[in-house]
Amino acid sequence: MAVLVTLLAVVVALLALLVAGVLRSHAEILRSLHDLGVDLDPSLPKRTTGSRT
């Protein structure tokens, strides 16, 4: 029984590490898009990047 509990703890720890890695990479992608001027929030008004004459 102790082996099963230890194995379960290891699996949960690995899954937590995987989720943390995915969240971190997703945050880096969103930060890069924000730096490029891409707004993904639909509630914000649209910005224009250039002027048309």
N, C-alpha and C. Protein backbone atom coordinates (compact mmCIF):
# COMPACT_ATOMS: atom_id res chain seq x y z
N MET A 1 0.82 -1.19 0.00
CA MET A 1 0.00 0.00 0.00
C MET A 1 0.87 1.26 0.00
N ALA A 2 1.97 1.22 0.73
CA ALA A 2 2.86 2.39 0.79
C ALA A 2 3.48 2.67 -0.57
N VAL A 3 3.76 1.61 -1.33
CA VAL A 3 4.33 1.79 -2.67
C VAL A 3 3.32 2.48 -3.58
N LEU A 4 2.06 2.10 -3.46
CA LEU A 4 1.02 2.71 -4.27
C LEU A 4 0.86 4.20 -3.95
N VAL A 5 0.89 4.54 -2.70
CA VAL A 5 0.77 5.94 -2.28
C VAL A 5 1.97 6.75 -2.77
N THR A 6 3.15 6.17 -2.68
CA THR A 6 4.36 6.84 -3.16
C THR A 6 4.30 7.04 -4.67
N LEU A 7 3.86 6.03 -5.38
CA LEU A 7 3.74 6.14 -6.83
C LEU A 7 2.71 7.20 -7.21
N LEU A 8 1.61 7.24 -6.51
CA LEU A 8 0.59 8.25 -6.77
C LEU A 8 1.13 9.65 -6.50
N ALA A 9 1.90 9.81 -5.44
CA ALA A 9 2.49 11.11 -5.12
C ALA A 9 3.46 11.55 -6.21
N VAL A 10 4.23 10.62 -6.74
CA VAL A 10 5.17 10.94 -7.81
C VAL A 10 4.42 11.35 -9.07
N VAL A 11 3.36 10.64 -9.40
CA VAL A 11 2.56 10.97 -10.59
C VAL A 11 1.92 12.34 -10.44
N VAL A 12 1.38 12.64 -9.28
CA VAL A 12 0.76 13.95 -9.05
C VAL A 12 1.81 15.06 -9.14
N ALA A 13 3.00 14.82 -8.60
CA ALA A 13 4.07 15.82 -8.68
C ALA A 13 4.49 16.06 -10.13
N LEU A 14 4.59 15.00 -10.91
CA LEU A 14 4.95 15.16 -12.33
C LEU A 14 3.87 15.91 -13.10
N LEU A 15 2.61 15.62 -12.81
CA LEU A 15 1.53 16.35 -13.47
C LEU A 15 1.52 17.82 -13.07
N ALA A 16 1.80 18.12 -11.81
CA ALA A 16 1.88 19.51 -11.37
C ALA A 16 3.01 20.24 -12.08
N LEU A 17 4.14 19.56 -12.25
CA LEU A 17 5.27 20.15 -12.96
C LEU A 17 4.92 20.40 -14.43
N LEU A 18 4.22 19.47 -15.04
CA LEU A 18 3.79 19.63 -16.43
C LEU A 18 2.84 20.81 -16.58
N VAL A 19 1.88 20.93 -15.70
CA VAL A 19 0.92 22.04 -15.76
C VAL A 19 1.63 23.37 -15.55
N ALA A 20 2.57 23.43 -14.62
CA ALA A 20 3.32 24.66 -14.38
C ALA A 20 4.12 25.05 -15.62
N GLY A 21 4.71 24.08 -16.29
CA GLY A 21 5.46 24.36 -17.51
C GLY A 21 4.58 24.87 -18.63
N VAL A 22 3.41 24.28 -18.78
CA VAL A 22 2.48 24.72 -19.83
C VAL A 22 1.99 26.14 -19.53
N LEU A 23 1.67 26.42 -18.28
CA LEU A 23 1.22 27.77 -17.92
C LEU A 23 2.32 28.79 -18.15
N ARG A 24 3.55 28.44 -17.83
CA ARG A 24 4.66 29.37 -18.03
C ARG A 24 4.88 29.65 -19.51
N SER A 25 4.86 28.62 -20.34
CA SER A 25 5.08 28.83 -21.77
C SER A 25 3.93 29.62 -22.38
N HIS A 26 2.72 29.37 -21.92
CA HIS A 26 1.57 30.13 -22.42
C HIS A 26 1.70 31.60 -22.03
N ALA A 27 2.16 31.87 -20.82
CA ALA A 27 2.35 33.25 -20.39
C ALA A 27 3.42 33.94 -21.22
N GLU A 28 4.48 33.23 -21.57
CA GLU A 28 5.53 33.81 -22.41
C GLU A 28 5.00 34.12 -23.81
N ILE A 29 4.16 33.26 -24.35
CA ILE A 29 3.57 33.50 -25.66
C ILE A 29 2.68 34.73 -25.61
N LEU A 30 1.83 34.83 -24.59
CA LEU A 30 0.95 35.99 -24.46
C LEU A 30 1.75 37.27 -24.27
N ARG A 31 2.83 37.21 -23.50
CA ARG A 31 3.67 38.38 -23.29
C ARG A 31 4.31 38.81 -24.61
N SER A 32 4.77 37.86 -25.41
CA SER A 32 5.38 38.18 -26.70
C SER A 32 4.36 38.80 -27.64
N LEU A 33 3.14 38.26 -27.66
CA LEU A 33 2.09 38.83 -28.50
C LEU A 33 1.75 40.24 -28.06
N HIS A 34 1.70 40.47 -26.75
CA HIS A 34 1.41 41.80 -26.24
C HIS A 34 2.51 42.79 -26.64
N ASP A 35 3.76 42.36 -26.59
CA ASP A 35 4.87 43.22 -27.00
C ASP A 35 4.79 43.56 -28.49
N LEU A 36 4.21 42.66 -29.28
CA LEU A 36 4.05 42.92 -30.71
C LEU A 36 2.84 43.79 -31.01
N GLY A 37 2.00 44.05 -30.01
CA GLY A 37 0.84 44.90 -30.19
C GLY A 37 -0.44 44.15 -30.46
N VAL A 38 -0.45 42.85 -30.25
CA VAL A 38 -1.65 42.05 -30.47
C VAL A 38 -2.44 42.03 -29.18
N ASP A 39 -3.67 42.55 -29.21
CA ASP A 39 -4.54 42.52 -28.04
C ASP A 39 -5.56 41.41 -28.21
N LEU A 40 -5.59 40.47 -27.27
CA LEU A 40 -6.49 39.34 -27.37
C LEU A 40 -7.75 39.53 -26.54
N ASP A 41 -7.89 40.67 -25.86
CA ASP A 41 -9.05 40.94 -25.03
C ASP A 41 -10.15 41.53 -25.91
N PRO A 42 -11.26 40.81 -26.13
CA PRO A 42 -12.31 41.32 -27.02
C PRO A 42 -13.06 42.52 -26.44
N SER A 43 -12.94 42.79 -25.16
CA SER A 43 -13.66 43.91 -24.57
C SER A 43 -12.96 45.24 -24.81
N LEU A 44 -11.70 45.20 -25.24
CA LEU A 44 -10.97 46.43 -25.51
C LEU A 44 -11.30 46.93 -26.91
N PRO A 45 -11.31 48.26 -27.11
CA PRO A 45 -11.55 48.78 -28.46
C PRO A 45 -10.38 48.45 -29.37
N LYS A 46 -10.68 48.32 -30.65
CA LYS A 46 -9.65 47.99 -31.63
C LYS A 46 -8.72 49.18 -31.80
N ARG A 47 -7.41 48.86 -31.92
CA ARG A 47 -6.41 49.90 -32.16
C ARG A 47 -5.98 49.84 -33.61
N THR A 48 -5.71 50.98 -34.17
CA THR A 48 -5.15 51.02 -35.52
C THR A 48 -3.67 51.29 -35.39
N THR A 49 -2.87 50.62 -36.20
CA THR A 49 -1.42 50.75 -36.09
C THR A 49 -0.86 51.76 -37.07
N GLY A 50 -1.60 52.14 -38.06
CA GLY A 50 -1.10 53.09 -39.03
C GLY A 50 -2.16 54.13 -39.35
N SER A 51 -1.74 55.18 -40.05
CA SER A 51 -2.71 56.20 -40.43
C SER A 51 -2.97 56.11 -41.92
N ARG A 52 -4.22 56.20 -42.27
CA ARG A 52 -4.61 56.18 -43.68
C ARG A 52 -5.00 57.59 -44.10
N THR A 53 -4.55 57.96 -45.27
CA THR A 53 -4.89 59.30 -45.76
C THR A 53 -5.69 59.21 -47.01
